[in-house]
Amino acid sequence: MSGRPLRGSTRNGAPGCSPSATRHTGSSRSPPEGAVVFTGCVRAHPVRIVDVFSAVPFRGNALAVIHDADDLSDTEMATIARWTNLSETTFLCAPRTAEADYRVRIFTTGGELPFAGHPTLGSAHSWLEAGGTPRREPVVVQECGAGLVPVSRGEVLAFAAPPLVRSGPVAQEDADRVLRLLRLGRDDVIDLAWTDNGPGWISVELPSAEAVLDIVPDTTAAAGLAVGVVGRYAVEEEAPDGALVEVRAFYDDGAGLFEDPVTGSLNAGIAQWLIGAGRLPQRYRAAQGSRIGRSGRIDIEARDGAVWVGGEVVTRIVGEIS
């Protein structure tokens, strides 16, 4: 997941901000008694900033990957994630099971996630680039809060979508909240379903890609929601880079409503839902981020009893954090 403000303020003024930025500007008061103050890492850690799901420079979804992070506490990881102010920051650690090549912890500015898509590809890319050697070439096995996630190495990296933790129909009360967020009526949508593989996604199928791109969400109706929207391109010539569908993702992280540039977990859930229902083919490309100046491209393929979600990953920055 990732975040782009859909309201007037920036993230630095929100509850999930870095410890160096508060809503009480100009104050020189010390932190409250008992507050945890993180003064920096005990040692320097390698870090990579990677661009996921786009071959166009700086048009994908950025991810910070901190290597050799076993010595960092939960508080330190959360603090670093708030400081990077990216949608997610991941921390690569030694695996706890013999089947895994590495273990990853995934943090947003607001907390930890059991699984997310672009952090999975970005973490695998960074681990390999730093010299990691998979136990079972050409598959990298990631250990995370959702269990073991295989990542295949082909033309691009692709992860096997984990099982949905919640699927099926959406209760009327939840559906009404989603439709209110999207400013849509029930007759405007084809279907709604839970496609939750960790972040809490509810997905909405619309009649067309144009309908997806036309959405102007109600920022006052987002509380606690994570909503994905998908619609097919009717004319192939209008589709970017051969994409069959356009996807958008909206979520509330406690600081307001954000639109995610490119979302692996959401696209995984949508594919499991709509391929399973026979409404999308076994192989297709999704576009995402078009409305917010991004060029996300997600390649989906159902094979060997799994849905694989792939895309480009490019390293943009290499350095250390201390």
Protein backbone atom coordinates (compact mmCIF):
# COMPACT_ATOMS: atom_id res chain seq x y z
CA MET A 1 0.00 0.00 0.00
CA SER A 2 0.92 3.61 -0.28
CA GLY A 3 -0.48 7.00 0.39
CA ARG A 4 -1.25 10.20 -1.40
CA PRO A 5 -3.19 12.94 0.40
CA LEU A 6 -6.71 13.48 -0.88
CA ARG A 7 -7.21 16.44 1.40
CA GLY A 8 -5.49 19.74 2.03
CA SER A 9 -2.96 18.71 4.65
CA THR A 10 0.24 16.73 4.19
CA ARG A 11 1.08 13.58 6.06
CA ASN A 12 3.53 15.35 8.33
CA GLY A 13 0.65 16.99 10.14
CA ALA A 14 -1.13 13.71 10.74
CA PRO A 15 -1.07 11.38 13.74
CA GLY A 16 1.18 8.95 11.85
CA CYS A 17 3.94 11.55 11.42
CA SER A 18 7.64 11.33 12.17
CA PRO A 19 8.63 12.01 15.77
CA SER A 20 10.41 15.15 14.55
CA ALA A 21 7.14 16.67 13.33
CA THR A 22 4.16 17.27 15.61
CA ARG A 23 0.98 19.24 15.42
CA HIS A 24 2.28 21.55 18.13
CA THR A 25 4.78 23.52 16.06
CA GLY A 26 7.03 26.00 17.76
CA SER A 27 7.04 24.15 21.08
CA SER A 28 10.38 23.33 22.71
CA ARG A 29 8.88 21.18 25.44
CA SER A 30 10.48 17.83 26.23
CA PRO A 31 8.61 14.61 25.39
CA PRO A 32 6.06 13.52 28.03
CA GLU A 33 7.38 11.47 30.93
CA GLY A 34 7.52 7.81 29.97
CA ALA A 35 7.52 8.48 26.21
CA VAL A 36 9.78 6.27 24.07
CA VAL A 37 12.47 8.36 22.38
CA PHE A 38 14.45 6.71 19.57
CA THR A 39 17.85 8.41 19.27
CA GLY A 40 19.14 6.42 16.28
CA CYS A 41 20.29 2.92 15.33
CA VAL A 42 23.03 1.32 17.41
CA ARG A 43 24.82 0.58 14.13
CA ALA A 44 24.40 1.56 10.50
CA HIS A 45 22.06 -0.58 8.40
CA PRO A 46 22.14 -0.87 4.60
CA VAL A 47 19.06 0.67 3.01
CA ARG A 48 17.63 0.66 -0.49
CA ILE A 49 14.83 2.79 -1.89
CA VAL A 50 13.19 0.89 -4.73
CA ASP A 51 10.50 1.74 -7.27
CA VAL A 52 7.96 -1.08 -7.62
CA PHE A 53 5.47 -1.92 -10.40
CA SER A 54 6.74 0.52 -13.04
CA ALA A 55 9.50 0.69 -15.63
CA VAL A 56 9.05 4.47 -15.83
CA PRO A 57 11.43 6.22 -13.40
CA PHE A 58 9.68 7.51 -10.26
CA ARG A 59 6.22 6.50 -11.53
CA GLY A 60 5.75 3.32 -9.50
CA ASN A 61 5.36 2.83 -5.74
CA ALA A 62 8.40 3.64 -3.62
CA LEU A 63 9.58 1.36 -0.83
CA ALA A 64 12.35 1.67 1.75
CA VAL A 65 14.08 -1.63 2.56
CA ILE A 66 16.26 -1.83 5.69
CA HIS A 67 18.68 -4.78 5.64
CA ASP A 68 20.09 -6.82 8.55
CA ALA A 69 17.36 -5.51 10.85
CA ASP A 70 17.29 -8.25 13.51
CA ASP A 71 18.74 -5.90 16.14
CA LEU A 72 15.98 -3.31 15.73
CA SER A 73 13.09 -3.30 18.19
CA ASP A 74 9.43 -2.94 17.24
CA THR A 75 9.53 0.68 18.40
CA GLU A 76 12.64 1.43 16.36
CA MET A 77 11.13 -0.11 13.23
CA ALA A 78 7.92 1.86 13.67
CA THR A 79 9.86 5.07 14.24
CA ILE A 80 11.97 4.58 11.11
CA ALA A 81 8.82 3.85 9.08
CA ARG A 82 7.21 7.07 10.28
CA TRP A 83 10.40 8.97 9.47
CA THR A 84 10.70 7.67 5.89
CA ASN A 85 7.07 8.76 5.47
CA LEU A 86 6.64 6.28 2.62
CA SER A 87 3.60 4.07 2.32
CA GLU A 88 5.63 1.13 3.62
CA THR A 89 9.09 0.46 4.96
CA THR A 90 10.30 -3.12 5.25
CA PHE A 91 12.88 -4.69 7.53
CA LEU A 92 14.78 -7.78 6.39
CA CYS A 93 15.60 -10.25 9.16
CA ALA A 94 16.89 -13.81 9.48
CA PRO A 95 14.16 -16.40 8.83
CA ARG A 96 12.67 -18.40 11.67
CA THR A 97 11.83 -21.40 9.52
CA ALA A 98 14.12 -23.55 7.39
CA GLU A 99 11.85 -23.17 4.35
CA ALA A 100 12.28 -19.38 4.12
CA ASP A 101 15.16 -17.40 2.63
CA TYR A 102 14.50 -14.32 4.75
CA ARG A 103 11.87 -12.85 7.04
CA VAL A 104 10.32 -9.46 6.39
CA ARG A 105 8.43 -7.10 8.65
CA ILE A 106 6.25 -4.55 6.90
CA PHE A 107 5.45 -1.21 8.51
CA THR A 108 3.27 1.67 7.35
CA THR A 109 3.44 5.05 9.04
CA GLY A 110 0.61 3.81 11.26
CA GLY A 111 1.65 0.28 12.20
CA GLU A 112 2.66 -3.20 11.06
CA LEU A 113 1.00 -5.26 8.29
CA PRO A 114 1.07 -9.05 8.00
CA PHE A 115 1.36 -8.82 4.20
CA ALA A 116 1.49 -6.30 1.38
CA GLY A 117 2.24 -6.74 -2.30
CA HIS A 118 4.69 -4.08 -3.42
CA PRO A 119 6.75 -4.53 -0.20
CA THR A 120 7.00 -8.24 -1.04
CA LEU A 121 8.44 -7.65 -4.51
CA GLY A 122 10.62 -4.74 -3.36
CA SER A 123 12.02 -6.74 -0.44
CA ALA A 124 12.78 -9.79 -2.59
CA HIS A 125 14.49 -7.58 -5.18
CA SER A 126 16.61 -5.87 -2.52
CA TRP A 127 17.55 -9.16 -0.84
CA LEU A 128 18.68 -10.62 -4.16
CA GLU A 129 20.54 -7.46 -5.18
CA ALA A 130 22.41 -7.51 -1.85
CA GLY A 131 23.73 -10.99 -2.64
CA GLY A 132 21.01 -13.26 -1.29
CA THR A 133 20.96 -16.79 -2.74
CA PRO A 134 17.63 -18.64 -2.69
CA ARG A 135 17.51 -22.16 -1.28
CA ARG A 136 15.26 -23.24 -4.17
CA GLU A 137 16.23 -21.39 -7.34
CA PRO A 138 14.46 -19.76 -9.13
CA VAL A 139 12.01 -19.22 -6.27
CA VAL A 140 12.64 -16.95 -3.29
CA VAL A 141 10.60 -17.81 -0.20
CA GLN A 142 9.62 -14.88 2.00
CA GLU A 143 8.49 -15.34 5.59
CA CYS A 144 6.04 -12.69 6.81
CA GLY A 145 3.00 -12.28 9.03
CA ALA A 146 0.85 -14.04 6.43
CA GLY A 147 3.13 -17.09 6.38
CA LEU A 148 5.45 -18.20 3.58
CA VAL A 149 5.10 -16.34 0.27
CA PRO A 150 6.93 -17.69 -2.82
CA VAL A 151 8.43 -15.10 -5.18
CA SER A 152 9.37 -16.37 -8.66
CA ARG A 153 12.25 -14.99 -10.71
CA GLY A 154 11.30 -14.69 -14.37
CA GLU A 155 11.21 -11.69 -16.68
CA VAL A 156 9.98 -9.84 -13.62
CA LEU A 157 9.57 -10.85 -10.00
CA ALA A 158 6.13 -12.23 -9.12
CA PHE A 159 4.65 -13.38 -5.81
CA ALA A 160 2.11 -16.11 -5.26
CA ALA A 161 -0.97 -14.47 -3.77
CA PRO A 162 -1.57 -15.70 -0.22
CA PRO A 163 -5.00 -17.10 0.67
CA LEU A 164 -7.66 -14.53 1.42
CA VAL A 165 -8.36 -14.21 5.12
CA ARG A 166 -11.83 -12.91 4.29
CA SER A 167 -13.79 -13.32 1.07
CA GLY A 168 -17.35 -13.42 -0.15
CA PRO A 169 -20.31 -11.04 0.06
CA VAL A 170 -20.16 -7.72 1.86
CA ALA A 171 -22.79 -6.99 4.52
CA GLN A 172 -25.27 -4.27 3.60
CA GLU A 173 -23.98 -1.86 6.23
CA ASP A 174 -20.40 -2.18 4.95
CA ALA A 175 -21.56 -1.97 1.33
CA ASP A 176 -23.43 1.25 2.08
CA ARG A 177 -20.28 2.78 3.61
CA VAL A 178 -18.20 1.78 0.59
CA LEU A 179 -20.72 3.21 -1.87
CA ARG A 180 -20.90 6.42 0.13
CA LEU A 181 -17.10 6.71 -0.04
CA LEU A 182 -17.16 6.22 -3.82
CA ARG A 183 -20.25 8.44 -4.30
CA LEU A 184 -21.98 5.60 -6.14
CA GLY A 185 -25.38 3.94 -6.03
CA ARG A 186 -25.93 0.17 -5.94
CA ASP A 187 -27.01 0.23 -9.58
CA ASP A 188 -23.66 1.77 -10.57
CA VAL A 189 -21.66 -1.33 -9.60
CA ILE A 190 -21.53 -4.87 -10.90
CA ASP A 191 -20.52 -6.48 -7.62
CA LEU A 192 -18.77 -6.01 -4.26
CA ALA A 193 -16.77 -8.60 -2.32
CA TRP A 194 -14.27 -8.99 0.47
CA THR A 195 -10.80 -9.56 -1.01
CA ASP A 196 -8.88 -9.25 2.24
CA ASN A 197 -5.39 -10.76 2.41
CA GLY A 198 -4.26 -8.66 5.35
CA PRO A 199 -4.92 -4.95 4.77
CA GLY A 200 -8.72 -5.35 4.92
CA TRP A 201 -9.68 -4.82 1.26
CA ILE A 202 -13.25 -4.66 0.02
CA SER A 203 -13.27 -4.63 -3.80
CA VAL A 204 -15.85 -3.13 -6.12
CA GLU A 205 -16.28 -4.13 -9.77
CA LEU A 206 -17.49 -1.31 -12.03
CA PRO A 207 -18.78 -1.57 -15.62
CA SER A 208 -15.76 0.14 -17.21
CA ALA A 209 -12.28 1.54 -16.70
CA GLU A 210 -13.73 4.97 -17.44
CA ALA A 211 -16.08 4.62 -14.48
CA VAL A 212 -13.09 3.76 -12.28
CA LEU A 213 -11.15 6.81 -13.46
CA ASP A 214 -14.17 9.08 -12.92
CA ILE A 215 -14.44 8.35 -9.18
CA VAL A 216 -14.03 11.36 -6.89
CA PRO A 217 -14.15 9.86 -3.39
CA ASP A 218 -15.88 11.44 -0.42
CA THR A 219 -12.98 12.09 1.94
CA THR A 220 -15.35 12.43 4.90
CA ALA A 221 -16.66 8.87 4.52
CA ALA A 222 -13.41 6.91 4.67
CA ALA A 223 -13.08 6.02 8.35
CA GLY A 224 -11.59 2.56 8.74
CA LEU A 225 -12.09 1.55 5.10
CA ALA A 226 -9.73 -0.04 2.55
CA VAL A 227 -11.50 -0.08 -0.82
CA GLY A 228 -10.36 -1.23 -4.24
CA VAL A 229 -12.13 -0.49 -7.51
CA VAL A 230 -11.68 -2.29 -10.84
CA GLY A 231 -13.16 -1.90 -14.33
CA ARG A 232 -12.34 -3.21 -17.81
CA TYR A 233 -11.17 -1.21 -20.79
CA ALA A 234 -13.72 -1.57 -23.59
CA VAL A 235 -11.39 -0.42 -26.39
CA GLU A 236 -7.91 -1.92 -26.54
CA GLU A 237 -6.43 1.24 -28.04
CA GLU A 238 -7.44 3.22 -24.95
CA ALA A 239 -5.71 0.85 -22.54
CA PRO A 240 -2.22 1.86 -21.34
CA ASP A 241 0.51 -0.67 -22.22
CA GLY A 242 -1.95 -3.40 -23.03
CA ALA A 243 -3.76 -3.25 -19.69
CA LEU A 244 -7.11 -5.03 -19.56
CA VAL A 245 -8.34 -3.28 -16.41
CA GLU A 246 -7.86 -0.07 -14.45
CA VAL A 247 -7.56 -0.33 -10.67
CA ARG A 248 -7.72 2.28 -7.93
CA ALA A 249 -7.16 1.84 -4.19
CA PHE A 250 -8.40 4.07 -1.38
CA TYR A 251 -7.74 3.58 2.32
CA ASP A 252 -7.90 5.37 5.62
CA ASP A 253 -4.76 4.97 7.73
CA GLY A 254 -6.08 7.04 10.62
CA ALA A 255 -4.72 10.28 9.18
CA GLY A 256 -7.28 10.68 6.40
CA LEU A 257 -8.09 9.18 3.02
CA PHE A 258 -5.22 8.30 0.69
CA GLU A 259 -5.05 6.85 -2.80
CA ASP A 260 -2.41 4.19 -3.30
CA PRO A 261 -0.26 4.54 -6.44
CA VAL A 262 0.11 0.79 -7.10
CA THR A 263 -1.13 -1.98 -4.82
CA GLY A 264 0.05 -5.58 -5.08
CA SER A 265 -2.14 -6.97 -2.31
CA LEU A 266 -5.30 -5.42 -3.76
CA ASN A 267 -4.54 -6.65 -7.28
CA ALA A 268 -3.89 -10.12 -5.86
CA GLY A 269 -7.26 -10.17 -4.12
CA ILE A 270 -9.12 -8.80 -7.15
CA ALA A 271 -7.52 -11.47 -9.36
CA GLN A 272 -8.43 -14.27 -6.96
CA TRP A 273 -12.01 -13.00 -6.85
CA LEU A 274 -12.68 -12.25 -10.51
CA ILE A 275 -10.62 -15.02 -12.12
CA GLY A 276 -12.35 -17.41 -9.75
CA ALA A 277 -15.73 -16.00 -10.82
CA GLY A 278 -14.83 -16.31 -14.51
CA ARG A 279 -15.03 -12.56 -15.11
CA LEU A 280 -11.32 -12.03 -15.80
CA PRO A 281 -9.00 -14.25 -17.87
CA GLN A 282 -6.21 -16.41 -16.48
CA ARG A 283 -3.63 -13.87 -17.60
CA TYR A 284 -3.95 -10.10 -17.86
CA ARG A 285 -2.33 -6.76 -17.06
CA ALA A 286 -3.75 -4.12 -14.72
CA ALA A 287 -2.99 -0.40 -14.77
CA GLN A 288 -3.04 1.66 -11.58
CA GLY A 289 -2.10 5.17 -10.53
CA SER A 290 -3.27 6.87 -13.73
CA ARG A 291 -5.30 9.48 -11.87
CA ILE A 292 -2.41 10.50 -9.61
CA GLY A 293 0.42 10.74 -12.11
CA ARG A 294 1.79 7.19 -11.76
CA SER A 295 2.32 4.44 -14.33
CA GLY A 296 1.72 1.28 -12.35
CA ARG A 297 1.59 -1.95 -14.33
CA ILE A 298 0.74 -5.23 -12.62
CA ASP A 299 0.98 -8.54 -14.48
CA ILE A 300 -1.40 -11.26 -13.31
CA GLU A 301 -1.23 -14.94 -14.17
CA ALA A 302 -3.16 -17.88 -12.73
CA ARG A 303 -1.07 -21.04 -12.99
CA ASP A 304 -0.13 -24.11 -10.98
CA GLY A 305 -3.05 -23.57 -8.64
CA ALA A 306 -1.98 -20.05 -7.63
CA VAL A 307 -2.43 -16.46 -8.74
CA TRP A 308 0.92 -14.79 -9.45
CA VAL A 309 1.30 -11.02 -9.21
CA GLY A 310 4.34 -9.51 -10.91
CA GLY A 311 5.93 -6.28 -11.98
CA GLU A 312 9.11 -4.31 -12.48
CA VAL A 313 11.32 -3.35 -9.52
CA VAL A 314 14.16 -0.84 -9.90
CA THR A 315 16.58 0.37 -7.22
CA ARG A 316 16.76 4.17 -7.07
CA ILE A 317 18.84 4.82 -3.92
CA VAL A 318 21.46 2.73 -2.07
CA GLY A 319 22.94 3.86 1.23
CA GLU A 320 22.91 3.44 5.01
CA ILE A 321 20.62 4.47 7.82
CA SER A 322 22.08 5.20 11.24
